[in-house]
Amino acid sequence: MEIEHIAVGSNSEEDADKFFVGLLGLKKIRAKLVSADLMENFFGVNREHKFIQYGDDNSNFEVFITDDTPRASDIFTHTCIIIENRDELIEKGTLMGFKFIRIPRKDGNGYYLFVRDSFHNLYEIKQK
């Protein structure tokens, strides 16, 4: 099995760029408008939405821009991302205003790491 992409929401393109380009270092691949009728058929939302694809050789995220203020409310769903250096990401992300959740492992061997984007999507961060 292979995962082709992960789709999430974001309140604005600026917020999405800050997280996916600024923090994660992905490229903005393309942007397009998804018509209201397709949004209705796919997601039950009868309103046109901008869709932005961010990615690199290993990852691909589709981000739907809501242009409103509600946030994600699902507290369990998350995406796990594997990176080269978690400490560098924490330092960079903290300077950018992102809040990280660091929970020590019970065996004393390291910690679990999570970060939320501005829409409150949750990402678990592991290191290679």
N, C-alpha and C. Protein backbone atom coordinates (compact mmCIF):
# COMPACT_ATOMS: atom_id res chain seq x y z
N MET A 1 0.84 -1.18 0.00
CA MET A 1 0.00 0.00 0.00
C MET A 1 0.88 1.24 0.00
N GLU A 2 0.35 2.28 -0.60
CA GLU A 2 1.05 3.56 -0.68
C GLU A 2 0.02 4.66 -0.46
N ILE A 3 0.36 5.66 0.31
CA ILE A 3 -0.53 6.80 0.51
C ILE A 3 -0.15 7.87 -0.49
N GLU A 4 -1.11 8.31 -1.30
CA GLU A 4 -0.85 9.30 -2.35
C GLU A 4 -0.83 10.71 -1.79
N HIS A 5 -1.76 11.02 -0.86
CA HIS A 5 -1.77 12.35 -0.25
C HIS A 5 -2.59 12.33 1.03
N ILE A 6 -2.41 13.35 1.81
CA ILE A 6 -3.21 13.63 3.00
C ILE A 6 -3.91 14.95 2.73
N ALA A 7 -5.22 15.02 2.99
CA ALA A 7 -5.98 16.26 2.78
C ALA A 7 -6.37 16.85 4.14
N VAL A 8 -6.18 18.14 4.28
CA VAL A 8 -6.53 18.86 5.51
C VAL A 8 -7.15 20.20 5.14
N GLY A 9 -7.68 20.88 6.13
CA GLY A 9 -8.23 22.21 5.93
C GLY A 9 -7.30 23.26 6.50
N SER A 10 -7.48 24.48 6.06
CA SER A 10 -6.77 25.64 6.61
C SER A 10 -7.68 26.85 6.43
N ASN A 11 -7.61 27.78 7.38
CA ASN A 11 -8.45 28.97 7.29
C ASN A 11 -7.99 29.93 6.20
N SER A 12 -6.68 29.94 5.87
CA SER A 12 -6.20 30.88 4.86
C SER A 12 -4.97 30.30 4.16
N GLU A 13 -4.72 30.81 2.97
CA GLU A 13 -3.53 30.41 2.23
C GLU A 13 -2.27 30.83 2.98
N GLU A 14 -2.31 31.98 3.61
CA GLU A 14 -1.17 32.47 4.38
C GLU A 14 -0.82 31.50 5.51
N ASP A 15 -1.85 31.02 6.25
CA ASP A 15 -1.61 30.05 7.32
C ASP A 15 -1.04 28.75 6.76
N ALA A 16 -1.59 28.29 5.65
CA ALA A 16 -1.11 27.05 5.03
C ALA A 16 0.34 27.19 4.57
N ASP A 17 0.66 28.31 3.92
CA ASP A 17 2.04 28.55 3.47
C ASP A 17 3.00 28.57 4.66
N LYS A 18 2.58 29.22 5.74
CA LYS A 18 3.44 29.33 6.92
C LYS A 18 3.79 27.94 7.46
N PHE A 19 2.80 27.05 7.53
CA PHE A 19 3.03 25.72 8.08
C PHE A 19 3.75 24.81 7.09
N PHE A 20 3.20 24.66 5.89
CA PHE A 20 3.73 23.66 4.96
C PHE A 20 5.02 24.10 4.27
N VAL A 21 5.15 25.36 3.93
CA VAL A 21 6.37 25.86 3.29
C VAL A 21 7.36 26.35 4.35
N GLY A 22 6.88 27.25 5.22
CA GLY A 22 7.77 27.86 6.21
C GLY A 22 8.32 26.88 7.22
N LEU A 23 7.46 26.06 7.83
CA LEU A 23 7.91 25.13 8.86
C LEU A 23 8.40 23.81 8.29
N LEU A 24 7.61 23.17 7.44
CA LEU A 24 7.96 21.83 6.96
C LEU A 24 8.88 21.84 5.74
N GLY A 25 9.01 22.99 5.06
CA GLY A 25 9.92 23.08 3.93
C GLY A 25 9.42 22.43 2.66
N LEU A 26 8.10 22.23 2.55
CA LEU A 26 7.54 21.66 1.33
C LEU A 26 7.39 22.75 0.26
N LYS A 27 7.24 22.32 -0.97
CA LYS A 27 7.03 23.26 -2.07
C LYS A 27 5.53 23.40 -2.33
N LYS A 28 5.14 24.59 -2.74
CA LYS A 28 3.76 24.82 -3.19
C LYS A 28 3.73 24.35 -4.64
N ILE A 29 3.02 23.26 -4.90
CA ILE A 29 3.04 22.64 -6.22
C ILE A 29 2.01 23.24 -7.16
N ARG A 30 0.78 23.39 -6.66
CA ARG A 30 -0.25 23.99 -7.51
C ARG A 30 -1.41 24.45 -6.65
N ALA A 31 -2.21 25.32 -7.23
CA ALA A 31 -3.42 25.81 -6.58
C ALA A 31 -4.52 25.87 -7.63
N LYS A 32 -5.73 25.54 -7.23
CA LYS A 32 -6.86 25.64 -8.15
C LYS A 32 -8.14 25.78 -7.34
N LEU A 33 -9.20 26.16 -8.01
CA LEU A 33 -10.51 26.27 -7.37
C LEU A 33 -11.29 24.99 -7.61
N VAL A 34 -11.93 24.50 -6.54
CA VAL A 34 -12.81 23.34 -6.65
C VAL A 34 -14.23 23.89 -6.61
N SER A 35 -15.00 23.59 -7.64
CA SER A 35 -16.35 24.16 -7.78
C SER A 35 -17.27 23.74 -6.63
N ALA A 36 -18.29 24.56 -6.42
CA ALA A 36 -19.27 24.29 -5.37
C ALA A 36 -19.96 22.95 -5.58
N ASP A 37 -20.26 22.60 -6.83
CA ASP A 37 -20.95 21.33 -7.06
C ASP A 37 -20.05 20.14 -6.73
N LEU A 38 -18.77 20.21 -7.05
CA LEU A 38 -17.85 19.13 -6.68
C LEU A 38 -17.67 19.07 -5.16
N MET A 39 -17.54 20.23 -4.52
CA MET A 39 -17.41 20.26 -3.05
C MET A 39 -18.64 19.64 -2.40
N GLU A 40 -19.81 19.93 -2.97
CA GLU A 40 -21.06 19.35 -2.45
C GLU A 40 -21.05 17.84 -2.61
N ASN A 41 -20.66 17.37 -3.79
CA ASN A 41 -20.63 15.92 -4.04
C ASN A 41 -19.60 15.19 -3.19
N PHE A 42 -18.42 15.79 -3.02
CA PHE A 42 -17.35 15.14 -2.25
C PHE A 42 -17.57 15.24 -0.74
N PHE A 43 -17.89 16.45 -0.26
CA PHE A 43 -17.82 16.73 1.18
C PHE A 43 -19.12 17.27 1.79
N GLY A 44 -20.15 17.48 0.98
CA GLY A 44 -21.40 18.02 1.51
C GLY A 44 -21.33 19.50 1.84
N VAL A 45 -20.39 20.21 1.20
CA VAL A 45 -20.22 21.65 1.42
C VAL A 45 -20.53 22.34 0.10
N ASN A 46 -21.58 23.12 0.05
CA ASN A 46 -22.02 23.73 -1.20
C ASN A 46 -21.40 25.12 -1.35
N ARG A 47 -20.08 25.15 -1.49
CA ARG A 47 -19.35 26.40 -1.67
C ARG A 47 -18.01 26.11 -2.33
N GLU A 48 -17.64 26.94 -3.29
CA GLU A 48 -16.34 26.81 -3.95
C GLU A 48 -15.22 26.98 -2.92
N HIS A 49 -14.16 26.17 -3.06
CA HIS A 49 -13.00 26.28 -2.17
C HIS A 49 -11.72 26.28 -2.99
N LYS A 50 -10.76 27.02 -2.53
CA LYS A 50 -9.43 26.96 -3.11
C LYS A 50 -8.74 25.72 -2.54
N PHE A 51 -7.99 25.06 -3.39
CA PHE A 51 -7.26 23.85 -3.05
C PHE A 51 -5.80 24.11 -3.39
N ILE A 52 -4.90 23.81 -2.45
CA ILE A 52 -3.47 24.00 -2.69
C ILE A 52 -2.76 22.69 -2.40
N GLN A 53 -1.86 22.31 -3.29
CA GLN A 53 -1.08 21.10 -3.11
C GLN A 53 0.34 21.50 -2.70
N TYR A 54 0.81 20.91 -1.60
CA TYR A 54 2.17 21.11 -1.11
C TYR A 54 2.86 19.74 -1.10
N GLY A 55 4.15 19.71 -1.43
CA GLY A 55 4.80 18.42 -1.39
C GLY A 55 6.28 18.47 -1.67
N ASP A 56 6.85 17.28 -1.63
CA ASP A 56 8.24 17.04 -2.03
C ASP A 56 8.30 15.62 -2.58
N ASP A 57 9.47 15.03 -2.68
CA ASP A 57 9.59 13.70 -3.26
C ASP A 57 8.89 12.62 -2.43
N ASN A 58 8.67 12.88 -1.13
CA ASN A 58 8.12 11.86 -0.25
C ASN A 58 6.74 12.17 0.32
N SER A 59 6.30 13.39 0.25
CA SER A 59 5.06 13.80 0.91
C SER A 59 4.20 14.65 -0.02
N ASN A 60 2.88 14.53 0.18
CA ASN A 60 1.95 15.30 -0.63
C ASN A 60 0.72 15.63 0.21
N PHE A 61 0.49 16.93 0.42
CA PHE A 61 -0.66 17.39 1.19
C PHE A 61 -1.56 18.21 0.28
N GLU A 62 -2.87 17.94 0.36
CA GLU A 62 -3.87 18.76 -0.30
C GLU A 62 -4.54 19.58 0.79
N VAL A 63 -4.52 20.89 0.63
CA VAL A 63 -5.06 21.78 1.66
C VAL A 63 -6.24 22.56 1.08
N PHE A 64 -7.39 22.43 1.72
CA PHE A 64 -8.59 23.15 1.32
C PHE A 64 -8.68 24.42 2.15
N ILE A 65 -8.72 25.57 1.49
CA ILE A 65 -8.76 26.86 2.16
C ILE A 65 -10.22 27.22 2.44
N THR A 66 -10.56 27.39 3.72
CA THR A 66 -11.95 27.63 4.09
C THR A 66 -12.35 29.10 4.03
N ASP A 67 -11.38 30.01 4.18
CA ASP A 67 -11.66 31.45 4.24
C ASP A 67 -12.70 31.79 5.30
N ASP A 68 -12.70 31.05 6.39
CA ASP A 68 -13.55 31.37 7.54
C ASP A 68 -12.77 31.06 8.81
N THR A 69 -13.42 31.13 9.96
CA THR A 69 -12.68 31.03 11.22
C THR A 69 -12.77 29.72 11.99
N PRO A 70 -13.73 28.83 11.72
CA PRO A 70 -13.77 27.58 12.49
C PRO A 70 -12.47 26.79 12.35
N ARG A 71 -12.21 25.98 13.35
CA ARG A 71 -11.00 25.15 13.39
C ARG A 71 -11.40 23.68 13.35
N ALA A 72 -10.43 22.83 13.07
CA ALA A 72 -10.65 21.39 13.15
C ALA A 72 -11.00 21.04 14.59
N SER A 73 -11.98 20.17 14.77
CA SER A 73 -12.39 19.83 16.13
C SER A 73 -12.11 18.37 16.49
N ASP A 74 -11.66 17.57 15.55
CA ASP A 74 -11.32 16.18 15.82
C ASP A 74 -10.04 16.14 16.64
N ILE A 75 -10.08 15.55 17.82
CA ILE A 75 -8.90 15.58 18.69
C ILE A 75 -7.97 14.38 18.51
N PHE A 76 -8.40 13.37 17.75
CA PHE A 76 -7.60 12.16 17.62
C PHE A 76 -6.89 12.02 16.27
N THR A 77 -7.54 12.44 15.21
CA THR A 77 -6.96 12.24 13.88
C THR A 77 -5.68 13.05 13.76
N HIS A 78 -4.63 12.41 13.30
CA HIS A 78 -3.37 13.11 13.09
C HIS A 78 -2.57 12.43 11.99
N THR A 79 -1.60 13.15 11.49
CA THR A 79 -0.69 12.66 10.47
C THR A 79 0.69 12.57 11.10
N CYS A 80 1.38 11.47 10.87
CA CYS A 80 2.73 11.31 11.41
C CYS A 80 3.74 11.63 10.31
N ILE A 81 4.66 12.52 10.63
CA ILE A 81 5.69 12.97 9.69
C ILE A 81 7.05 12.55 10.22
N ILE A 82 7.88 11.98 9.37
CA ILE A 82 9.23 11.60 9.76
C ILE A 82 10.20 12.60 9.16
N ILE A 83 11.04 13.21 10.02
CA ILE A 83 11.98 14.23 9.58
C ILE A 83 13.40 13.87 10.02
N GLU A 84 14.35 14.65 9.55
CA GLU A 84 15.76 14.41 9.88
C GLU A 84 16.12 14.86 11.30
N ASN A 85 15.62 16.04 11.73
CA ASN A 85 16.06 16.60 13.00
C ASN A 85 14.90 17.30 13.72
N ARG A 86 14.36 16.66 14.74
CA ARG A 86 13.22 17.24 15.46
C ARG A 86 13.62 18.50 16.23
N ASP A 87 14.81 18.50 16.81
CA ASP A 87 15.23 19.67 17.59
C ASP A 87 15.27 20.93 16.72
N GLU A 88 15.77 20.80 15.49
CA GLU A 88 15.78 21.95 14.58
C GLU A 88 14.37 22.41 14.25
N LEU A 89 13.46 21.46 14.04
CA LEU A 89 12.07 21.81 13.74
C LEU A 89 11.42 22.52 14.92
N ILE A 90 11.68 22.04 16.13
CA ILE A 90 11.12 22.69 17.32
C ILE A 90 11.64 24.12 17.43
N GLU A 91 12.92 24.30 17.25
CA GLU A 91 13.51 25.64 17.34
C GLU A 91 12.91 26.57 16.29
N LYS A 92 12.86 26.12 15.05
CA LYS A 92 12.31 26.92 13.97
C LYS A 92 10.83 27.21 14.20
N GLY A 93 10.07 26.18 14.53
CA GLY A 93 8.63 26.33 14.73
C GLY A 93 8.28 27.22 15.91
N THR A 94 9.04 27.13 16.98
CA THR A 94 8.80 27.99 18.14
C THR A 94 9.01 29.45 17.77
N LEU A 95 10.05 29.74 17.00
CA LEU A 95 10.28 31.11 16.54
C LEU A 95 9.15 31.60 15.64
N MET A 96 8.49 30.67 14.94
CA MET A 96 7.38 31.02 14.04
C MET A 96 6.04 31.10 14.78
N GLY A 97 6.04 30.75 16.07
CA GLY A 97 4.82 30.84 16.86
C GLY A 97 4.03 29.55 16.99
N PHE A 98 4.56 28.44 16.52
CA PHE A 98 3.86 27.16 16.67
C PHE A 98 4.11 26.60 18.06
N LYS A 99 3.10 25.94 18.61
CA LYS A 99 3.18 25.33 19.94
C LYS A 99 3.38 23.82 19.77
N PHE A 100 4.41 23.32 20.39
CA PHE A 100 4.71 21.89 20.32
C PHE A 100 4.27 21.20 21.60
N ILE A 101 3.85 19.96 21.45
CA ILE A 101 3.46 19.13 22.58
C ILE A 101 4.54 18.06 22.70
N ARG A 102 5.28 18.11 23.81
CA ARG A 102 6.37 17.16 24.03
C ARG A 102 6.05 16.35 25.28
N ILE A 103 5.93 15.02 25.10
CA ILE A 103 5.57 14.15 26.21
C ILE A 103 6.66 13.10 26.37
N PRO A 104 7.31 13.09 27.56
CA PRO A 104 8.38 12.10 27.78
C PRO A 104 7.84 10.67 27.68
N ARG A 105 8.63 9.81 27.11
CA ARG A 105 8.27 8.39 27.06
C ARG A 105 8.47 7.79 28.45
N LYS A 106 7.60 6.86 28.82
CA LYS A 106 7.66 6.25 30.16
C LYS A 106 8.96 5.50 30.40
N ASP A 107 9.56 4.97 29.33
CA ASP A 107 10.82 4.24 29.50
C ASP A 107 12.02 5.17 29.61
N GLY A 108 11.77 6.49 29.55
CA GLY A 108 12.85 7.47 29.67
C GLY A 108 13.66 7.64 28.40
N ASN A 109 13.27 6.96 27.34
CA ASN A 109 14.02 7.00 26.09
C ASN A 109 13.37 7.98 25.12
N GLY A 110 13.65 9.26 25.27
CA GLY A 110 13.15 10.27 24.35
C GLY A 110 11.76 10.77 24.71
N TYR A 111 11.05 11.25 23.70
CA TYR A 111 9.75 11.86 23.93
C TYR A 111 8.89 11.74 22.68
N TYR A 112 7.58 11.84 22.89
CA TYR A 112 6.63 11.96 21.79
C TYR A 112 6.53 13.43 21.45
N LEU A 113 6.37 13.75 20.17
CA LEU A 113 6.30 15.15 19.76
C LEU A 113 5.12 15.34 18.80
N PHE A 114 4.30 16.35 19.11
CA PHE A 114 3.18 16.73 18.26
C PHE A 114 3.19 18.24 18.06
N VAL A 115 2.62 18.69 16.95
CA VAL A 115 2.43 20.12 16.70
C VAL A 115 1.10 20.28 15.97
N ARG A 116 0.42 21.38 16.26
CA ARG A 116 -0.83 21.71 15.57
C ARG A 116 -0.57 22.88 14.64
N ASP A 117 -1.19 22.85 13.46
CA ASP A 117 -1.15 24.02 12.59
C ASP A 117 -2.22 25.00 13.06
N SER A 118 -2.36 26.12 12.39
CA SER A 118 -3.30 27.15 12.85
C SER A 118 -4.75 26.71 12.74
N PHE A 119 -5.05 25.70 11.92
CA PHE A 119 -6.41 25.17 11.78
C PHE A 119 -6.71 24.13 12.85
N HIS A 120 -5.69 23.77 13.62
CA HIS A 120 -5.71 22.77 14.69
C HIS A 120 -5.61 21.34 14.18
N ASN A 121 -5.14 21.16 12.94
CA ASN A 121 -4.79 19.81 12.50
C ASN A 121 -3.58 19.38 13.31
N LEU A 122 -3.55 18.12 13.70
CA LEU A 122 -2.50 17.61 14.57
C LEU A 122 -1.52 16.76 13.77
N TYR A 123 -0.21 16.96 14.03
CA TYR A 123 0.85 16.23 13.36
C TYR A 123 1.79 15.65 14.40
N GLU A 124 2.02 14.35 14.31
CA GLU A 124 3.03 13.72 15.14
C GLU A 124 4.35 13.81 14.39
N ILE A 125 5.42 14.12 15.10
CA ILE A 125 6.73 14.30 14.46
C ILE A 125 7.69 13.25 14.99
N LYS A 126 8.20 12.42 14.08
CA LYS A 126 9.22 11.43 14.44
C LYS A 126 10.49 11.77 13.71
N GLN A 127 11.59 11.28 14.27
CA GLN A 127 12.91 11.53 13.66
C GLN A 127 13.44 10.23 13.07
N LYS A 128 14.07 10.34 11.89
CA LYS A 128 14.68 9.15 11.25
C LYS A 128 15.70 8.53 12.16
